C-alpha atoms as a PDB file:
ATOM      1  CA  UNK A   1      -2.306  19.554   0.578  1.00  0.00           C
ATOM      2  CA  UNK A   2      -2.448  15.809  -0.118  1.00  0.00           C
ATOM      3  CA  UNK A   3      -1.822  15.023   3.552  1.00  0.00           C
ATOM      4  CA  UNK A   4      -4.592  17.423   4.623  1.00  0.00           C
ATOM      5  CA  UNK A   5      -7.155  15.877   2.266  1.00  0.00           C
ATOM      6  CA  UNK A   6      -6.296  12.337   3.350  1.00  0.00           C
ATOM      7  CA  UNK A   7      -6.586  13.155   7.055  1.00  0.00           C
ATOM      8  CA  UNK A   8      -9.841  15.071   6.438  1.00  0.00           C
ATOM      9  CA  UNK A   9     -11.448  12.075   4.738  1.00  0.00           C
ATOM     10  CA  UNK A  10     -10.205   9.698   7.458  1.00  0.00           C
ATOM     11  CA  UNK A  11     -11.543  12.012  10.197  1.00  0.00           C
ATOM     12  CA  UNK A  12     -14.978  12.202   8.546  1.00  0.00           C
ATOM     13  CA  UNK A  13     -15.176   8.417   8.272  1.00  0.00           C
ATOM     14  CA  UNK A  14     -14.064   8.012  11.881  1.00  0.00           C
ATOM     15  CA  UNK A  15     -16.775  10.422  13.013  1.00  0.00           C
ATOM     16  CA  UNK A  16     -19.350   8.499  11.019  1.00  0.00           C
ATOM     17  CA  UNK A  17     -18.114   5.222  12.461  1.00  0.00           C
ATOM     18  CA  UNK A  18     -18.358   6.155  16.121  1.00  0.00           C
ATOM     19  CA  UNK A  19     -21.918   7.429  15.627  1.00  0.00           C
ATOM     20  CA  UNK A  20     -23.133   4.316  13.806  1.00  0.00           C
ATOM     21  CA  UNK A  21     -25.524   2.011  15.676  1.00  0.00           C
ATOM     22  CA  UNK A  22     -25.650  -0.935  13.303  1.00  0.00           C
ATOM     23  CA  UNK A  23     -24.282  -4.386  14.093  1.00  0.00           C
ATOM     24  CA  UNK A  24     -20.589  -4.089  14.860  1.00  0.00           C
ATOM     25  CA  UNK A  25     -17.601  -6.090  16.060  1.00  0.00           C
ATOM     26  CA  UNK A  26     -13.858  -6.745  15.700  1.00  0.00           C
ATOM     27  CA  UNK A  27     -12.307  -8.502  12.727  1.00  0.00           C
ATOM     28  CA  UNK A  28      -8.964  -9.542  11.281  1.00  0.00           C
ATOM     29  CA  UNK A  29      -7.909 -10.235   7.733  1.00  0.00           C
ATOM     30  CA  UNK A  30      -5.038 -11.523   5.636  1.00  0.00           C
ATOM     31  CA  UNK A  31      -4.260 -10.179   2.168  1.00  0.00           C
ATOM     32  CA  UNK A  32      -1.940 -11.657  -0.432  1.00  0.00           C
ATOM     33  CA  UNK A  33      -1.300 -10.329  -3.913  1.00  0.00           C
ATOM     34  CA  UNK A  34       0.932  -8.622  -6.410  1.00  0.00           C
ATOM     35  CA  UNK A  35       2.772  -5.334  -6.107  1.00  0.00           C
ATOM     36  CA  UNK A  36       4.115  -3.010  -8.793  1.00  0.00           C
ATOM     37  CA  UNK A  37       6.435  -0.057  -8.216  1.00  0.00           C
ATOM     38  CA  UNK A  38       6.447   2.911 -10.573  1.00  0.00           C
ATOM     39  CA  UNK A  39       9.742   3.984 -12.092  1.00  0.00           C
ATOM     40  CA  UNK A  40      11.825   5.584  -9.328  1.00  0.00           C
ATOM     41  CA  UNK A  41      14.281   8.468  -9.706  1.00  0.00           C
ATOM     42  CA  UNK A  42      16.949   8.940  -7.037  1.00  0.00           C
ATOM     43  CA  UNK A  43      19.633  11.635  -6.847  1.00  0.00           C
ATOM     44  CA  UNK A  44      22.708  10.187  -5.210  1.00  0.00           C
ATOM     45  CA  UNK A  45      24.886  13.303  -5.395  1.00  0.00           C
ATOM     46  CA  UNK A  46      25.169  16.552  -7.322  1.00  0.00           C
ATOM     47  CA  UNK A  47      26.758  14.680 -10.210  1.00  0.00           C
ATOM     48  CA  UNK A  48      25.039  11.295 -10.007  1.00  0.00           C
ATOM     49  CA  UNK A  49      21.421  10.193 -10.337  1.00  0.00           C
ATOM     50  CA  UNK A  50      19.839   6.836 -11.047  1.00  0.00           C
ATOM     51  CA  UNK A  51      16.481   5.782 -12.476  1.00  0.00           C
ATOM     52  CA  UNK A  52      15.246   2.368 -11.316  1.00  0.00           C
ATOM     53  CA  UNK A  53      12.846   0.014 -13.075  1.00  0.00           C
ATOM     54  CA  UNK A  54      11.283  -2.903 -11.197  1.00  0.00           C
ATOM     55  CA  UNK A  55       9.682  -6.241 -11.915  1.00  0.00           C
ATOM     56  CA  UNK A  56       6.333  -7.065 -10.375  1.00  0.00           C
ATOM     57  CA  UNK A  57       6.570  -8.520  -6.898  1.00  0.00           C
ATOM     58  CA  UNK A  58       4.723 -10.131  -4.021  1.00  0.00           C
ATOM     59  CA  UNK A  59       2.810  -8.230  -1.330  1.00  0.00           C
ATOM     60  CA  UNK A  60       1.348  -9.351   1.997  1.00  0.00           C
ATOM     61  CA  UNK A  61      -0.749  -7.515   4.594  1.00  0.00           C
ATOM     62  CA  UNK A  62      -2.059  -8.460   8.041  1.00  0.00           C
ATOM     63  CA  UNK A  63      -4.995  -6.442   9.367  1.00  0.00           C
ATOM     64  CA  UNK A  64      -6.870  -6.003  12.663  1.00  0.00           C
ATOM     65  CA  UNK A  65      -9.851  -3.695  12.966  1.00  0.00           C
ATOM     66  CA  UNK A  66     -13.389  -2.956  14.052  1.00  0.00           C
ATOM     67  CA  UNK A  67     -16.494  -3.128  11.884  1.00  0.00           C
ATOM     68  CA  UNK A  68     -19.080  -0.453  12.692  1.00  0.00           C
ATOM     69  CA  UNK A  69     -21.091  -1.477   9.598  1.00  0.00           C
ATOM     70  CA  UNK A  70     -20.974   0.009   7.036  1.00  0.00           C
ATOM     71  CA  UNK A  71     -17.775   1.757   8.189  1.00  0.00           C
ATOM     72  CA  UNK A  72     -14.681  -0.267   9.100  1.00  0.00           C
ATOM     73  CA  UNK A  73     -11.546   1.083  10.796  1.00  0.00           C
ATOM     74  CA  UNK A  74      -8.354  -0.986  10.892  1.00  0.00           C
ATOM     75  CA  UNK A  75      -4.603  -1.042  11.401  1.00  0.00           C
ATOM     76  CA  UNK A  76      -2.527  -2.753   8.713  1.00  0.00           C
ATOM     77  CA  UNK A  77       1.007  -4.118   8.648  1.00  0.00           C
ATOM     78  CA  UNK A  78       2.297  -4.724   5.134  1.00  0.00           C
ATOM     79  CA  UNK A  79       5.317  -6.095   3.334  1.00  0.00           C
ATOM     80  CA  UNK A  80       6.303  -6.065  -0.329  1.00  0.00           C
ATOM     81  CA  UNK A  81       9.350  -7.135  -2.333  1.00  0.00           C
ATOM     82  CA  UNK A  82      10.261  -6.218  -5.917  1.00  0.00           C
ATOM     83  CA  UNK A  83      13.390  -7.034  -7.893  1.00  0.00           C
ATOM     84  CA  UNK A  84      15.301  -4.424  -9.863  1.00  0.00           C
ATOM     85  CA  UNK A  85      15.081  -5.113 -13.582  1.00  0.00           C
ATOM     86  CA  UNK A  86      17.383  -2.385 -14.897  1.00  0.00           C
ATOM     87  CA  UNK A  87      18.696   1.082 -14.136  1.00  0.00           C
ATOM     88  CA  UNK A  88      19.772   4.182 -16.008  1.00  0.00           C
ATOM     89  CA  UNK A  89      22.710   5.938 -14.369  1.00  0.00           C
ATOM     90  CA  UNK A  90      23.266   9.652 -15.011  1.00  0.00           C
ATOM     91  CA  UNK A  91      26.874  10.580 -14.218  1.00  0.00           C
ATOM     92  CA  UNK A  92      28.259  14.029 -15.119  1.00  0.00           C
ATOM     93  CA  UNK A  93      25.550  14.381 -17.757  1.00  0.00           C
ATOM     94  CA  UNK A  94      26.253  11.039 -19.407  1.00  0.00           C
ATOM     95  CA  UNK A  95      23.620   8.281 -19.373  1.00  0.00           C
ATOM     96  CA  UNK A  96      24.554   4.626 -18.790  1.00  0.00           C
ATOM     97  CA  UNK A  97      22.125   1.715 -19.015  1.00  0.00           C
ATOM     98  CA  UNK A  98      22.681  -1.222 -16.652  1.00  0.00           C
ATOM     99  CA  UNK A  99      21.264  -4.671 -16.190  1.00  0.00           C
ATOM    100  CA  UNK A 100      21.280  -4.825 -12.408  1.00  0.00           C
ATOM    101  CA  UNK A 101      20.667  -7.062  -9.433  1.00  0.00           C
ATOM    102  CA  UNK A 102      19.047  -6.021  -6.199  1.00  0.00           C
ATOM    103  CA  UNK A 103      15.725  -5.643  -4.439  1.00  0.00           C
ATOM    104  CA  UNK A 104      13.468  -2.962  -3.088  1.00  0.00           C
ATOM    105  CA  UNK A 105      11.514  -3.882   0.029  1.00  0.00           C
ATOM    106  CA  UNK A 106       8.896  -1.898   1.874  1.00  0.00           C
ATOM    107  CA  UNK A 107       7.363  -2.360   5.285  1.00  0.00           C
ATOM    108  CA  UNK A 108       4.214  -0.319   5.884  1.00  0.00           C
ATOM    109  CA  UNK A 109       2.003   0.633   8.801  1.00  0.00           C
ATOM    110  CA  UNK A 110      -1.315   2.202   7.814  1.00  0.00           C
ATOM    111  CA  UNK A 111      -4.504   3.265   9.560  1.00  0.00           C
ATOM    112  CA  UNK A 112      -7.397   2.712   7.166  1.00  0.00           C
ATOM    113  CA  UNK A 113     -11.080   3.559   6.953  1.00  0.00           C
ATOM    114  CA  UNK A 114     -13.420   1.625   4.626  1.00  0.00           C
ATOM    115  CA  UNK A 115     -17.010   2.053   3.534  1.00  0.00           C
ATOM    116  CA  UNK A 116     -18.820  -1.146   2.510  1.00  0.00           C
ATOM    117  CA  UNK A 117     -21.606  -0.447   0.016  1.00  0.00           C
ATOM    118  CA  UNK A 118     -24.161  -3.202   0.648  1.00  0.00           C
ATOM    119  CA  UNK A 119     -27.255  -4.012  -1.418  1.00  0.00           C
ATOM    120  CA  UNK A 120     -28.832  -6.965   0.396  1.00  0.00           C
ATOM    121  CA  UNK A 121     -26.833  -9.547  -1.562  1.00  0.00           C
ATOM    122  CA  UNK A 122     -23.593 -11.288  -0.495  1.00  0.00           C
ATOM    123  CA  UNK A 123     -21.631  -8.913  -2.777  1.00  0.00           C
ATOM    124  CA  UNK A 124     -20.514  -5.500  -1.503  1.00  0.00           C
ATOM    125  CA  UNK A 125     -18.411  -2.678  -2.923  1.00  0.00           C
ATOM    126  CA  UNK A 126     -15.359  -1.735  -0.854  1.00  0.00           C
ATOM    127  CA  UNK A 127     -14.115   1.885  -0.843  1.00  0.00           C
ATOM    128  CA  UNK A 128     -11.248   2.936   1.399  1.00  0.00           C
ATOM    129  CA  UNK A 129      -8.600   5.482   2.283  1.00  0.00           C
ATOM    130  CA  UNK A 130      -5.698   5.364   4.693  1.00  0.00           C
ATOM    131  CA  UNK A 131      -2.526   7.037   5.891  1.00  0.00           C
ATOM    132  CA  UNK A 132       0.568   6.051   7.788  1.00  0.00           C
ATOM    133  CA  UNK A 133       4.241   5.384   7.215  1.00  0.00           C
ATOM    134  CA  UNK A 134       6.325   3.133   5.000  1.00  0.00           C
ATOM    135  CA  UNK A 135       9.942   2.010   5.416  1.00  0.00           C
ATOM    136  CA  UNK A 136      11.621   1.612   2.033  1.00  0.00           C
ATOM    137  CA  UNK A 137      14.854  -0.344   1.695  1.00  0.00           C
ATOM    138  CA  UNK A 138      17.023  -0.975  -1.352  1.00  0.00           C
ATOM    139  CA  UNK A 139      19.084  -4.107  -0.837  1.00  0.00           C
ATOM    140  CA  UNK A 140      22.003  -5.772  -2.628  1.00  0.00           C
ATOM    141  CA  UNK A 141      22.061  -3.157  -5.395  1.00  0.00           C
ATOM    142  CA  UNK A 142      25.053  -3.860  -7.636  1.00  0.00           C
ATOM    143  CA  UNK A 143      25.905  -0.680  -9.514  1.00  0.00           C
ATOM    144  CA  UNK A 144      29.150   1.295  -9.218  1.00  0.00           C
ATOM    145  CA  UNK A 145      28.700   4.482  -7.144  1.00  0.00           C
ATOM    146  CA  UNK A 146      25.208   3.357  -6.002  1.00  0.00           C
ATOM    147  CA  UNK A 147      24.833   1.960  -2.510  1.00  0.00           C
ATOM    148  CA  UNK A 148      22.043   0.365  -0.502  1.00  0.00           C
ATOM    149  CA  UNK A 149      19.717   2.858   1.137  1.00  0.00           C
ATOM    150  CA  UNK A 150      16.669   2.946   3.421  1.00  0.00           C
ATOM    151  CA  UNK A 151      14.359   5.522   4.998  1.00  0.00           C
ATOM    152  CA  UNK A 152      10.891   6.173   6.482  1.00  0.00           C
ATOM    153  CA  UNK A 153       8.246   8.107   4.517  1.00  0.00           C
ATOM    154  CA  UNK A 154       4.731   9.385   5.067  1.00  0.00           C
ATOM    155  CA  UNK A 155       2.296   7.359   2.940  1.00  0.00           C
ATOM    156  CA  UNK A 156      -1.362   7.443   1.971  1.00  0.00           C
ATOM    157  CA  UNK A 157      -3.519   4.992   0.055  1.00  0.00           C
ATOM    158  CA  UNK A 158      -6.857   4.677  -1.735  1.00  0.00           C
ATOM    159  CA  UNK A 159      -8.592   1.327  -2.256  1.00  0.00           C
ATOM    160  CA  UNK A 160     -11.505   0.016  -4.310  1.00  0.00           C
ATOM    161  CA  UNK A 161     -12.773  -3.525  -4.702  1.00  0.00           C
ATOM    162  CA  UNK A 162     -15.435  -6.136  -4.019  1.00  0.00           C
ATOM    163  CA  UNK A 163     -16.334  -8.270  -1.034  1.00  0.00           C
ATOM    164  CA  UNK A 164     -18.256 -11.544  -1.031  1.00  0.00           C
ATOM    165  CA  UNK A 165     -19.856 -12.669   2.251  1.00  0.00           C
ATOM    166  CA  UNK A 166     -19.555 -16.440   2.548  1.00  0.00           C
ATOM    167  CA  UNK A 167     -21.368 -16.349   5.901  1.00  0.00           C
ATOM    168  CA  UNK A 168     -21.753 -14.008   8.891  1.00  0.00           C
ATOM    169  CA  UNK A 169     -18.159 -14.659   9.927  1.00  0.00           C
ATOM    170  CA  UNK A 170     -16.157 -14.855   6.695  1.00  0.00           C
ATOM    171  CA  UNK A 171     -15.871 -12.427   3.767  1.00  0.00           C
ATOM    172  CA  UNK A 172     -13.677 -12.817   0.689  1.00  0.00           C
ATOM    173  CA  UNK A 173     -12.135  -9.662  -0.779  1.00  0.00           C
ATOM    174  CA  UNK A 174     -10.619  -8.632  -4.118  1.00  0.00           C
ATOM    175  CA  UNK A 175      -9.162  -5.117  -4.078  1.00  0.00           C
ATOM    176  CA  UNK A 176      -6.945  -2.676  -5.945  1.00  0.00           C
ATOM    177  CA  UNK A 177      -4.815  -0.218  -3.965  1.00  0.00           C
ATOM    178  CA  UNK A 178      -2.818   2.842  -4.994  1.00  0.00           C
ATOM    179  CA  UNK A 179      -0.173   3.967  -2.473  1.00  0.00           C
ATOM    180  CA  UNK A 180       1.837   7.187  -2.677  1.00  0.00           C
ATOM    181  CA  UNK A 181       4.505   8.714  -0.422  1.00  0.00           C
ATOM    182  CA  UNK A 182       5.941  12.161   0.225  1.00  0.00           C
ATOM    183  CA  UNK A 183       8.980  11.002  -1.761  1.00  0.00           C
ATOM    184  CA  UNK A 184       8.854   9.758  -5.373  1.00  0.00           C
ATOM    185  CA  UNK A 185       7.843   6.224  -4.425  1.00  0.00           C
ATOM    186  CA  UNK A 186       4.430   5.060  -5.689  1.00  0.00           C
ATOM    187  CA  UNK A 187       3.007   1.547  -5.698  1.00  0.00           C
ATOM    188  CA  UNK A 188       0.044  -0.402  -7.085  1.00  0.00           C
ATOM    189  CA  UNK A 189      -1.378  -3.551  -5.488  1.00  0.00           C
ATOM    190  CA  UNK A 190      -3.948  -6.151  -6.402  1.00  0.00           C
ATOM    191  CA  UNK A 191      -4.972  -8.165  -3.326  1.00  0.00           C
ATOM    192  CA  UNK A 192      -7.048 -11.266  -2.625  1.00  0.00           C
ATOM    193  CA  UNK A 193      -8.054 -11.358   1.022  1.00  0.00           C
ATOM    194  CA  UNK A 194      -9.951 -13.276   3.673  1.00  0.00           C
ATOM    195  CA  UNK A 195     -11.701 -11.293   6.440  1.00  0.00           C
ATOM    196  CA  UNK A 196     -12.900 -12.992   9.632  1.00  0.00           C
ATOM    197  CA  UNK A 197     -15.430 -11.324  11.955  1.00  0.00           C
ATOM    198  CA  UNK A 198     -15.349 -12.339  15.607  1.00  0.00           C
END
């Protein structure tokens, strides 16, 4: 159901975009910010499960798209790294608490659609949705019976924030993004970005 709703919203925005006749053109942007991963539960076997907690991390995204004004459509490549802070290991019904080392990394590819709410001033409201895939990798995890793992997942995101138009070419952005997957992995981002219109 979640996948259907995401694709429905994206399709509606795409339809709106291709029928828009306002000033348009290509753009690219760079986003840098913080990333937070919600507590993650992973079943390793029938007798073993682990619950991960993470520190806040760094996130980066590179974007290329087309501005139909007020609709924008883009493709985004993203990267994020978070360190494990601790883990709770469930083994044959017993719970063990560990201070652990290791990282979780994700590499994402998303197709996004944004609506820029403009009011005649340099400030605009940014509303967006997107869907795609994310590759999640746990690396250098040091817990007995737990090994490194990685996999691809379907992902969708919703974004809200503000844009500030410095001039006709350059817009500054500050956005919040919530990203969810068809697994138990969810993420929150706060980005500062620079968008350049060609």
